[in-house]
């Protein structure tokens, strides 16, 4: 499912504020990132973890975004976003240690 319509959950908006993550960066990751995990049995909607790289210039920073897929209403819901911890992920930020 492509995410033509994106909605932020209340939880997602709180986490973006606390973690100092720009909503535009999240939208960019949703549209251009790569899926690293899928959770088809999540309720109320199946979800997926998407990895993208954000930031200006030569220095890019990995960003993980969890989105739920509301297929009936044709939208993706941003559940949360976070800066992946280097202690928990390999340097590609796709693979957990």
PDB file of N, CA and C in Angstrom:
ATOM      1  N   UNK A   1       0.849  -1.181   0.000  1.00  0.00           N
ATOM      2  CA  UNK A   1       0.000   0.000   0.000  1.00  0.00           C
ATOM      3  C   UNK A   1       0.887   1.234   0.000  1.00  0.00           C
ATOM      4  N   UNK A   2       0.634   2.114  -0.915  1.00  0.00           N
ATOM      5  CA  UNK A   2       1.353   3.390  -0.888  1.00  0.00           C
ATOM      6  C   UNK A   2       0.621   4.322   0.072  1.00  0.00           C
ATOM      7  N   UNK A   3       1.348   5.236   0.626  1.00  0.00           N
ATOM      8  CA  UNK A   3       0.777   6.135   1.630  1.00  0.00           C
ATOM      9  C   UNK A   3       0.488   7.496   1.010  1.00  0.00           C
ATOM     10  N   UNK A   4      -0.606   7.580   0.273  1.00  0.00           N
ATOM     11  CA  UNK A   4      -0.991   8.853  -0.318  1.00  0.00           C
ATOM     12  C   UNK A   4      -1.563   9.799   0.729  1.00  0.00           C
ATOM     13  N   UNK A   5      -2.254   9.231   1.705  1.00  0.00           N
ATOM     14  CA  UNK A   5      -2.789  10.023   2.814  1.00  0.00           C
ATOM     15  C   UNK A   5      -2.058   9.593   4.082  1.00  0.00           C
ATOM     16  N   UNK A   6      -1.521  10.557   4.810  1.00  0.00           N
ATOM     17  CA  UNK A   6      -0.795  10.262   6.045  1.00  0.00           C
ATOM     18  C   UNK A   6      -1.457  11.005   7.191  1.00  0.00           C
ATOM     19  N   UNK A   7      -1.709  10.259   8.263  1.00  0.00           N
ATOM     20  CA  UNK A   7      -2.288  10.825   9.473  1.00  0.00           C
ATOM     21  C   UNK A   7      -1.337  10.533  10.619  1.00  0.00           C
ATOM     22  N   UNK A   8      -1.181  11.454  11.539  1.00  0.00           N
ATOM     23  CA  UNK A   8      -0.346  11.235  12.716  1.00  0.00           C
ATOM     24  C   UNK A   8      -1.248  10.889  13.886  1.00  0.00           C
ATOM     25  N   UNK A   9      -0.931   9.799  14.581  1.00  0.00           N
ATOM     26  CA  UNK A   9      -1.669   9.463  15.798  1.00  0.00           C
ATOM     27  C   UNK A   9      -1.280  10.452  16.890  1.00  0.00           C
ATOM     28  N   UNK A  10      -2.097  10.558  17.923  1.00  0.00           N
ATOM     29  CA  UNK A  10      -1.768  11.442  19.045  1.00  0.00           C
ATOM     30  C   UNK A  10      -0.449  11.011  19.672  1.00  0.00           C
ATOM     31  N   UNK A  11      -0.277   9.704  19.847  1.00  0.00           N
ATOM     32  CA  UNK A  11       0.968   9.171  20.405  1.00  0.00           C
ATOM     33  C   UNK A  11       2.150   9.552  19.519  1.00  0.00           C
ATOM     34  N   UNK A  12       1.971   9.401  18.206  1.00  0.00           N
ATOM     35  CA  UNK A  12       3.032   9.737  17.265  1.00  0.00           C
ATOM     36  C   UNK A  12       3.445  11.197  17.366  1.00  0.00           C
ATOM     37  N   UNK A  13       2.483  12.089  17.457  1.00  0.00           N
ATOM     38  CA  UNK A  13       2.792  13.524  17.570  1.00  0.00           C
ATOM     39  C   UNK A  13       3.544  13.843  18.858  1.00  0.00           C
ATOM     40  N   UNK A  14       3.139  13.194  19.939  1.00  0.00           N
ATOM     41  CA  UNK A  14       3.843  13.401  21.215  1.00  0.00           C
ATOM     42  C   UNK A  14       5.290  12.946  21.096  1.00  0.00           C
ATOM     43  N   UNK A  15       5.508  11.766  20.526  1.00  0.00           N
ATOM     44  CA  UNK A  15       6.866  11.237  20.400  1.00  0.00           C
ATOM     45  C   UNK A  15       7.729  12.109  19.491  1.00  0.00           C
ATOM     46  N   UNK A  16       7.159  12.643  18.418  1.00  0.00           N
ATOM     47  CA  UNK A  16       7.919  13.538  17.547  1.00  0.00           C
ATOM     48  C   UNK A  16       8.389  14.764  18.320  1.00  0.00           C
ATOM     49  N   UNK A  17       7.514  15.311  19.135  1.00  0.00           N
ATOM     50  CA  UNK A  17       7.867  16.499  19.924  1.00  0.00           C
ATOM     51  C   UNK A  17       8.948  16.171  20.942  1.00  0.00           C
ATOM     52  N   UNK A  18       8.758  15.104  21.694  1.00  0.00           N
ATOM     53  CA  UNK A  18       9.714  14.719  22.734  1.00  0.00           C
ATOM     54  C   UNK A  18      11.076  14.388  22.134  1.00  0.00           C
ATOM     55  N   UNK A  19      11.073  13.712  20.992  1.00  0.00           N
ATOM     56  CA  UNK A  19      12.329  13.252  20.382  1.00  0.00           C
ATOM     57  C   UNK A  19      12.918  14.262  19.385  1.00  0.00           C
ATOM     58  N   UNK A  20      12.259  15.402  19.261  1.00  0.00           N
ATOM     59  CA  UNK A  20      12.733  16.465  18.361  1.00  0.00           C
ATOM     60  C   UNK A  20      12.899  15.961  16.923  1.00  0.00           C
ATOM     61  N   UNK A  21      11.825  15.356  16.424  1.00  0.00           N
ATOM     62  CA  UNK A  21      11.802  14.842  15.061  1.00  0.00           C
ATOM     63  C   UNK A  21      10.839  15.697  14.253  1.00  0.00           C
ATOM     64  N   UNK A  22      11.289  16.144  13.100  1.00  0.00           N
ATOM     65  CA  UNK A  22      10.487  17.002  12.232  1.00  0.00           C
ATOM     66  C   UNK A  22       9.446  16.171  11.478  1.00  0.00           C
ATOM     67  N   UNK A  23       8.198  16.628  11.474  1.00  0.00           N
ATOM     68  CA  UNK A  23       7.126  15.908  10.791  1.00  0.00           C
ATOM     69  C   UNK A  23       7.417  15.759   9.298  1.00  0.00           C
ATOM     70  N   UNK A  24       8.056  16.743   8.683  1.00  0.00           N
ATOM     71  CA  UNK A  24       8.392  16.652   7.263  1.00  0.00           C
ATOM     72  C   UNK A  24       9.391  15.520   7.008  1.00  0.00           C
ATOM     73  N   UNK A  25      10.320  15.320   7.950  1.00  0.00           N
ATOM     74  CA  UNK A  25      11.260  14.200   7.821  1.00  0.00           C
ATOM     75  C   UNK A  25      10.519  12.870   7.893  1.00  0.00           C
ATOM     76  N   UNK A  26       9.545  12.788   8.777  1.00  0.00           N
ATOM     77  CA  UNK A  26       8.754  11.564   8.911  1.00  0.00           C
ATOM     78  C   UNK A  26       8.002  11.279   7.613  1.00  0.00           C
ATOM     79  N   UNK A  27       7.381  12.301   7.054  1.00  0.00           N
ATOM     80  CA  UNK A  27       6.644  12.135   5.803  1.00  0.00           C
ATOM     81  C   UNK A  27       7.582  11.682   4.689  1.00  0.00           C
ATOM     82  N   UNK A  28       8.779  12.262   4.640  1.00  0.00           N
ATOM     83  CA  UNK A  28       9.762  11.863   3.638  1.00  0.00           C
ATOM     84  C   UNK A  28      10.141  10.389   3.789  1.00  0.00           C
ATOM     85  N   UNK A  29      10.348   9.942   5.031  1.00  0.00           N
ATOM     86  CA  UNK A  29      10.686   8.530   5.271  1.00  0.00           C
ATOM     87  C   UNK A  29       9.528   7.622   4.869  1.00  0.00           C
ATOM     88  N   UNK A  30       8.309   8.014   5.187  1.00  0.00           N
ATOM     89  CA  UNK A  30       7.146   7.206   4.813  1.00  0.00           C
ATOM     90  C   UNK A  30       7.089   7.030   3.295  1.00  0.00           C
ATOM     91  N   UNK A  31       7.354   8.097   2.546  1.00  0.00           N
ATOM     92  CA  UNK A  31       7.270   8.033   1.083  1.00  0.00           C
ATOM     93  C   UNK A  31       8.492   7.393   0.429  1.00  0.00           C
ATOM     94  N   UNK A  32       9.668   7.597   1.012  1.00  0.00           N
ATOM     95  CA  UNK A  32      10.906   7.208   0.322  1.00  0.00           C
ATOM     96  C   UNK A  32      11.761   6.170   1.042  1.00  0.00           C
ATOM     97  N   UNK A  33      11.370   5.812   2.269  1.00  0.00           N
ATOM     98  CA  UNK A  33      12.170   4.868   3.035  1.00  0.00           C
ATOM     99  C   UNK A  33      11.986   3.434   2.568  1.00  0.00           C
ATOM    100  N   UNK A  34      12.700   2.542   3.243  1.00  0.00           N
ATOM    101  CA  UNK A  34      12.592   1.116   2.923  1.00  0.00           C
ATOM    102  C   UNK A  34      11.977   0.374   4.108  1.00  0.00           C
ATOM    103  N   UNK A  35      11.150  -0.573   3.799  1.00  0.00           N
ATOM    104  CA  UNK A  35      10.493  -1.375   4.841  1.00  0.00           C
ATOM    105  C   UNK A  35      11.511  -2.373   5.373  1.00  0.00           C
ATOM    106  N   UNK A  36      11.713  -2.365   6.706  1.00  0.00           N
ATOM    107  CA  UNK A  36      12.650  -3.325   7.281  1.00  0.00           C
ATOM    108  C   UNK A  36      11.950  -4.415   8.094  1.00  0.00           C
ATOM    109  N   UNK A  37      10.755  -4.153   8.566  1.00  0.00           N
ATOM    110  CA  UNK A  37       9.947  -5.169   9.246  1.00  0.00           C
ATOM    111  C   UNK A  37       8.490  -4.942   8.894  1.00  0.00           C
ATOM    112  N   UNK A  38       7.743  -6.043   8.832  1.00  0.00           N
ATOM    113  CA  UNK A  38       6.301  -5.951   8.653  1.00  0.00           C
ATOM    114  C   UNK A  38       5.632  -6.704   9.783  1.00  0.00           C
ATOM    115  N   UNK A  39       4.548  -6.138  10.257  1.00  0.00           N
ATOM    116  CA  UNK A  39       3.788  -6.725  11.353  1.00  0.00           C
ATOM    117  C   UNK A  39       2.342  -6.922  10.873  1.00  0.00           C
ATOM    118  N   UNK A  40       2.091  -7.952  10.076  1.00  0.00           N
ATOM    119  CA  UNK A  40       0.763  -8.123   9.472  1.00  0.00           C
ATOM    120  C   UNK A  40      -0.339  -8.437  10.472  1.00  0.00           C
ATOM    121  N   UNK A  41       0.011  -8.915  11.660  1.00  0.00           N
ATOM    122  CA  UNK A  41      -1.008  -9.287  12.646  1.00  0.00           C
ATOM    123  C   UNK A  41      -1.307  -8.177  13.658  1.00  0.00           C
ATOM    124  N   UNK A  42      -0.643  -7.027  13.530  1.00  0.00           N
ATOM    125  CA  UNK A  42      -0.917  -5.913  14.447  1.00  0.00           C
ATOM    126  C   UNK A  42      -2.381  -5.497  14.336  1.00  0.00           C
ATOM    127  N   UNK A  43      -2.919  -5.032  15.438  1.00  0.00           N
ATOM    128  CA  UNK A  43      -4.306  -4.570  15.514  1.00  0.00           C
ATOM    129  C   UNK A  43      -4.325  -3.110  15.958  1.00  0.00           C
ATOM    130  N   UNK A  44      -5.202  -2.283  15.491  1.00  0.00           N
ATOM    131  CA  UNK A  44      -6.309  -2.627  14.602  1.00  0.00           C
ATOM    132  C   UNK A  44      -5.921  -2.708  13.124  1.00  0.00           C
ATOM    133  N   UNK A  45      -4.671  -2.323  12.794  1.00  0.00           N
ATOM    134  CA  UNK A  45      -4.229  -2.369  11.405  1.00  0.00           C
ATOM    135  C   UNK A  45      -2.852  -3.015  11.326  1.00  0.00           C
ATOM    136  N   UNK A  46      -2.561  -3.689  10.224  1.00  0.00           N
ATOM    137  CA  UNK A  46      -1.193  -4.176  10.039  1.00  0.00           C
ATOM    138  C   UNK A  46      -0.242  -2.986   9.991  1.00  0.00           C
ATOM    139  N   UNK A  47       0.989  -3.197  10.430  1.00  0.00           N
ATOM    140  CA  UNK A  47       1.929  -2.081  10.454  1.00  0.00           C
ATOM    141  C   UNK A  47       3.272  -2.512   9.892  1.00  0.00           C
ATOM    142  N   UNK A  48       4.147  -1.522   9.755  1.00  0.00           N
ATOM    143  CA  UNK A  48       5.490  -1.798   9.245  1.00  0.00           C
ATOM    144  C   UNK A  48       6.454  -0.770   9.806  1.00  0.00           C
ATOM    145  N   UNK A  49       7.714  -1.187   9.879  1.00  0.00           N
ATOM    146  CA  UNK A  49       8.801  -0.320  10.324  1.00  0.00           C
ATOM    147  C   UNK A  49       9.571   0.100   9.086  1.00  0.00           C
ATOM    148  N   UNK A  50       9.723   1.409   8.917  1.00  0.00           N
ATOM    149  CA  UNK A  50      10.363   1.961   7.731  1.00  0.00           C
ATOM    150  C   UNK A  50      11.617   2.710   8.158  1.00  0.00           C
ATOM    151  N   UNK A  51      12.692   2.522   7.406  1.00  0.00           N
ATOM    152  CA  UNK A  51      13.957   3.215   7.644  1.00  0.00           C
ATOM    153  C   UNK A  51      14.180   4.249   6.553  1.00  0.00           C
ATOM    154  N   UNK A  52      14.572   5.427   6.985  1.00  0.00           N
ATOM    155  CA  UNK A  52      14.949   6.472   6.037  1.00  0.00           C
ATOM    156  C   UNK A  52      16.124   7.252   6.591  1.00  0.00           C
ATOM    157  N   UNK A  53      16.725   8.057   5.736  1.00  0.00           N
ATOM    158  CA  UNK A  53      17.881   8.874   6.119  1.00  0.00           C
ATOM    159  C   UNK A  53      17.506  10.333   5.939  1.00  0.00           C
ATOM    160  N   UNK A  54      17.694  11.120   6.995  1.00  0.00           N
ATOM    161  CA  UNK A  54      17.287  12.528   6.966  1.00  0.00           C
ATOM    162  C   UNK A  54      18.446  13.427   7.369  1.00  0.00           C
ATOM    163  N   UNK A  55      18.317  14.677   7.025  1.00  0.00           N
ATOM    164  CA  UNK A  55      19.333  15.657   7.385  1.00  0.00           C
ATOM    165  C   UNK A  55      19.923  16.294   6.145  1.00  0.00           C
ATOM    166  N   UNK A  56      20.428  17.494   6.314  1.00  0.00           N
ATOM    167  CA  UNK A  56      20.999  18.219   5.193  1.00  0.00           C
ATOM    168  C   UNK A  56      22.480  17.953   5.035  1.00  0.00           C
ATOM    169  N   UNK A  57      22.971  18.276   3.873  1.00  0.00           N
ATOM    170  CA  UNK A  57      24.405  18.151   3.618  1.00  0.00           C
ATOM    171  C   UNK A  57      24.865  16.716   3.548  1.00  0.00           C
ATOM    172  N   UNK A  58      26.133  16.512   3.895  1.00  0.00           N
ATOM    173  CA  UNK A  58      26.742  15.180   3.804  1.00  0.00           C
ATOM    174  C   UNK A  58      26.342  14.277   4.954  1.00  0.00           C
ATOM    175  N   UNK A  59      25.940  14.868   6.058  1.00  0.00           N
ATOM    176  CA  UNK A  59      25.620  14.069   7.242  1.00  0.00           C
ATOM    177  C   UNK A  59      24.132  13.729   7.247  1.00  0.00           C
ATOM    178  N   UNK A  60      23.848  12.456   7.136  1.00  0.00           N
ATOM    179  CA  UNK A  60      22.473  11.963   7.198  1.00  0.00           C
ATOM    180  C   UNK A  60      22.316  11.127   8.460  1.00  0.00           C
ATOM    181  N   UNK A  61      21.132  11.152   9.008  1.00  0.00           N
ATOM    182  CA  UNK A  61      20.860  10.438  10.245  1.00  0.00           C
ATOM    183  C   UNK A  61      19.729   9.443   9.984  1.00  0.00           C
ATOM    184  N   UNK A  62      19.885   8.222  10.495  1.00  0.00           N
ATOM    185  CA  UNK A  62      18.851   7.197  10.331  1.00  0.00           C
ATOM    186  C   UNK A  62      17.623   7.561  11.164  1.00  0.00           C
ATOM    187  N   UNK A  63      16.461   7.319  10.588  1.00  0.00           N
ATOM    188  CA  UNK A  63      15.199   7.548  11.277  1.00  0.00           C
ATOM    189  C   UNK A  63      14.289   6.351  11.018  1.00  0.00           C
ATOM    190  N   UNK A  64      13.717   5.798  12.084  1.00  0.00           N
ATOM    191  CA  UNK A  64      12.747   4.712  11.970  1.00  0.00           C
ATOM    192  C   UNK A  64      11.350   5.285  12.191  1.00  0.00           C
ATOM    193  N   UNK A  65      10.420   4.856  11.355  1.00  0.00           N
ATOM    194  CA  UNK A  65       9.024   5.282  11.473  1.00  0.00           C
ATOM    195  C   UNK A  65       8.149   4.046  11.441  1.00  0.00           C
ATOM    196  N   UNK A  66       7.241   3.938  12.386  1.00  0.00           N
ATOM    197  CA  UNK A  66       6.269   2.846  12.402  1.00  0.00           C
ATOM    198  C   UNK A  66       4.944   3.406  11.897  1.00  0.00           C
ATOM    199  N   UNK A  67       4.430   2.764  10.854  1.00  0.00           N
ATOM    200  CA  UNK A  67       3.148   3.200  10.304  1.00  0.00           C
ATOM    201  C   UNK A  67       2.170   2.035  10.284  1.00  0.00           C
ATOM    202  N   UNK A  68       0.914   2.356  10.568  1.00  0.00           N
ATOM    203  CA  UNK A  68      -0.181   1.392  10.464  1.00  0.00           C
ATOM    204  C   UNK A  68      -0.906   1.675   9.158  1.00  0.00           C
ATOM    205  N   UNK A  69      -1.366   0.612   8.504  1.00  0.00           N
ATOM    206  CA  UNK A  69      -1.991   0.736   7.193  1.00  0.00           C
ATOM    207  C   UNK A  69      -3.497   0.524   7.279  1.00  0.00           C
ATOM    208  N   UNK A  70      -4.249   1.610   7.220  1.00  0.00           N
ATOM    209  CA  UNK A  70      -5.707   1.546   7.205  1.00  0.00           C
ATOM    210  C   UNK A  70      -6.141   1.424   5.747  1.00  0.00           C
ATOM    211  N   UNK A  71      -6.245   0.197   5.283  1.00  0.00           N
ATOM    212  CA  UNK A  71      -6.536  -0.065   3.873  1.00  0.00           C
ATOM    213  C   UNK A  71      -7.952   0.377   3.514  1.00  0.00           C
ATOM    214  N   UNK A  72      -8.904   0.182   4.419  1.00  0.00           N
ATOM    215  CA  UNK A  72     -10.295   0.534   4.146  1.00  0.00           C
ATOM    216  C   UNK A  72     -10.438   2.028   3.851  1.00  0.00           C
ATOM    217  N   UNK A  73      -9.749   2.854   4.632  1.00  0.00           N
ATOM    218  CA  UNK A  73      -9.839   4.308   4.465  1.00  0.00           C
ATOM    219  C   UNK A  73      -8.688   4.878   3.646  1.00  0.00           C
ATOM    220  N   UNK A  74      -7.858   4.006   3.082  1.00  0.00           N
ATOM    221  CA  UNK A  74      -6.767   4.398   2.189  1.00  0.00           C
ATOM    222  C   UNK A  74      -5.845   5.445   2.823  1.00  0.00           C
ATOM    223  N   UNK A  75      -5.347   5.104   4.031  1.00  0.00           N
ATOM    224  CA  UNK A  75      -4.410   6.030   4.675  1.00  0.00           C
ATOM    225  C   UNK A  75      -3.406   5.274   5.522  1.00  0.00           C
ATOM    226  N   UNK A  76      -2.287   5.931   5.766  1.00  0.00           N
ATOM    227  CA  UNK A  76      -1.265   5.409   6.664  1.00  0.00           C
ATOM    228  C   UNK A  76      -1.249   6.280   7.909  1.00  0.00           C
ATOM    229  N   UNK A  77      -1.135   5.627   9.037  1.00  0.00           N
ATOM    230  CA  UNK A  77      -1.135   6.334  10.319  1.00  0.00           C
ATOM    231  C   UNK A  77       0.245   6.202  10.938  1.00  0.00           C
ATOM    232  N   UNK A  78       0.866   7.330  11.226  1.00  0.00           N
ATOM    233  CA  UNK A  78       2.169   7.321  11.886  1.00  0.00           C
ATOM    234  C   UNK A  78       1.940   7.008  13.356  1.00  0.00           C
ATOM    235  N   UNK A  79       2.426   5.849  13.772  1.00  0.00           N
ATOM    236  CA  UNK A  79       2.262   5.398  15.150  1.00  0.00           C
ATOM    237  C   UNK A  79       3.352   6.005  16.027  1.00  0.00           C
ATOM    238  N   UNK A  80       4.590   5.959  15.539  1.00  0.00           N
ATOM    239  CA  UNK A  80       5.720   6.529  16.265  1.00  0.00           C
ATOM    240  C   UNK A  80       6.894   6.701  15.310  1.00  0.00           C
ATOM    241  N   UNK A  81       7.870   7.448  15.761  1.00  0.00           N
ATOM    242  CA  UNK A  81       9.125   7.608  15.024  1.00  0.00           C
ATOM    243  C   UNK A  81      10.227   7.768  16.063  1.00  0.00           C
ATOM    244  N   UNK A  82      11.411   7.276  15.723  1.00  0.00           N
ATOM    245  CA  UNK A  82      12.514   7.367  16.680  1.00  0.00           C
ATOM    246  C   UNK A  82      13.852   7.295  15.961  1.00  0.00           C
ATOM    247  N   UNK A  83      14.864   7.823  16.623  1.00  0.00           N
ATOM    248  CA  UNK A  83      16.247   7.714  16.157  1.00  0.00           C
ATOM    249  C   UNK A  83      16.752   6.366  16.654  1.00  0.00           C
ATOM    250  N   UNK A  84      17.073   5.430  15.770  1.00  0.00           N
ATOM    251  CA  UNK A  84      17.505   4.113  16.236  1.00  0.00           C
ATOM    252  C   UNK A  84      18.808   4.186  17.032  1.00  0.00           C
ATOM    253  N   UNK A  85      18.848   3.428  18.102  1.00  0.00           N
ATOM    254  CA  UNK A  85      19.990   3.383  19.014  1.00  0.00           C
ATOM    255  C   UNK A  85      21.096   2.527  18.405  1.00  0.00           C
ATOM    256  N   UNK A  86      22.273   3.098  18.256  1.00  0.00           N
ATOM    257  CA  UNK A  86      23.411   2.386  17.656  1.00  0.00           C
ATOM    258  C   UNK A  86      23.828   1.160  18.467  1.00  0.00           C
ATOM    259  N   UNK A  87      23.458   1.113  19.732  1.00  0.00           N
ATOM    260  CA  UNK A  87      23.793  -0.045  20.557  1.00  0.00           C
ATOM    261  C   UNK A  87      22.883  -1.232  20.258  1.00  0.00           C
ATOM    262  N   UNK A  88      21.739  -0.971  19.620  1.00  0.00           N
ATOM    263  CA  UNK A  88      20.769  -2.030  19.348  1.00  0.00           C
ATOM    264  C   UNK A  88      20.723  -2.449  17.886  1.00  0.00           C
ATOM    265  N   UNK A  89      21.304  -1.635  17.004  1.00  0.00           N
ATOM    266  CA  UNK A  89      21.226  -1.882  15.568  1.00  0.00           C
ATOM    267  C   UNK A  89      22.609  -1.928  14.960  1.00  0.00           C
ATOM    268  N   UNK A  90      22.761  -2.749  13.924  1.00  0.00           N
ATOM    269  CA  UNK A  90      23.997  -2.726  13.155  1.00  0.00           C
ATOM    270  C   UNK A  90      24.079  -1.388  12.423  1.00  0.00           C
ATOM    271  N   UNK A  91      25.228  -1.081  11.840  1.00  0.00           N
ATOM    272  CA  UNK A  91      25.430   0.240  11.240  1.00  0.00           C
ATOM    273  C   UNK A  91      24.510   0.516  10.062  1.00  0.00           C
ATOM    274  N   UNK A  92      23.884  -0.523   9.482  1.00  0.00           N
ATOM    275  CA  UNK A  92      22.935  -0.283   8.397  1.00  0.00           C
ATOM    276  C   UNK A  92      21.551   0.147   8.933  1.00  0.00           C
ATOM    277  N   UNK A  93      21.338   0.018  10.238  1.00  0.00           N
ATOM    278  CA  UNK A  93      20.097   0.340  10.936  1.00  0.00           C
ATOM    279  C   UNK A  93      18.909  -0.458  10.415  1.00  0.00           C
ATOM    280  N   UNK A  94      19.187  -1.551   9.702  1.00  0.00           N
ATOM    281  CA  UNK A  94      18.156  -2.464   9.220  1.00  0.00           C
ATOM    282  C   UNK A  94      18.110  -3.730  10.060  1.00  0.00           C
ATOM    283  N   UNK A  95      19.227  -4.048  10.702  1.00  0.00           N
ATOM    284  CA  UNK A  95      19.398  -5.326  11.386  1.00  0.00           C
ATOM    285  C   UNK A  95      19.680  -5.086  12.861  1.00  0.00           C
ATOM    286  N   UNK A  96      18.877  -5.742  13.708  1.00  0.00           N
ATOM    287  CA  UNK A  96      19.132  -5.643  15.147  1.00  0.00           C
ATOM    288  C   UNK A  96      20.333  -6.496  15.512  1.00  0.00           C
ATOM    289  N   UNK A  97      21.074  -6.042  16.511  1.00  0.00           N
ATOM    290  CA  UNK A  97      22.234  -6.793  16.989  1.00  0.00           C
ATOM    291  C   UNK A  97      21.775  -8.007  17.766  1.00  0.00           C
TER     292      UNK A  97
END
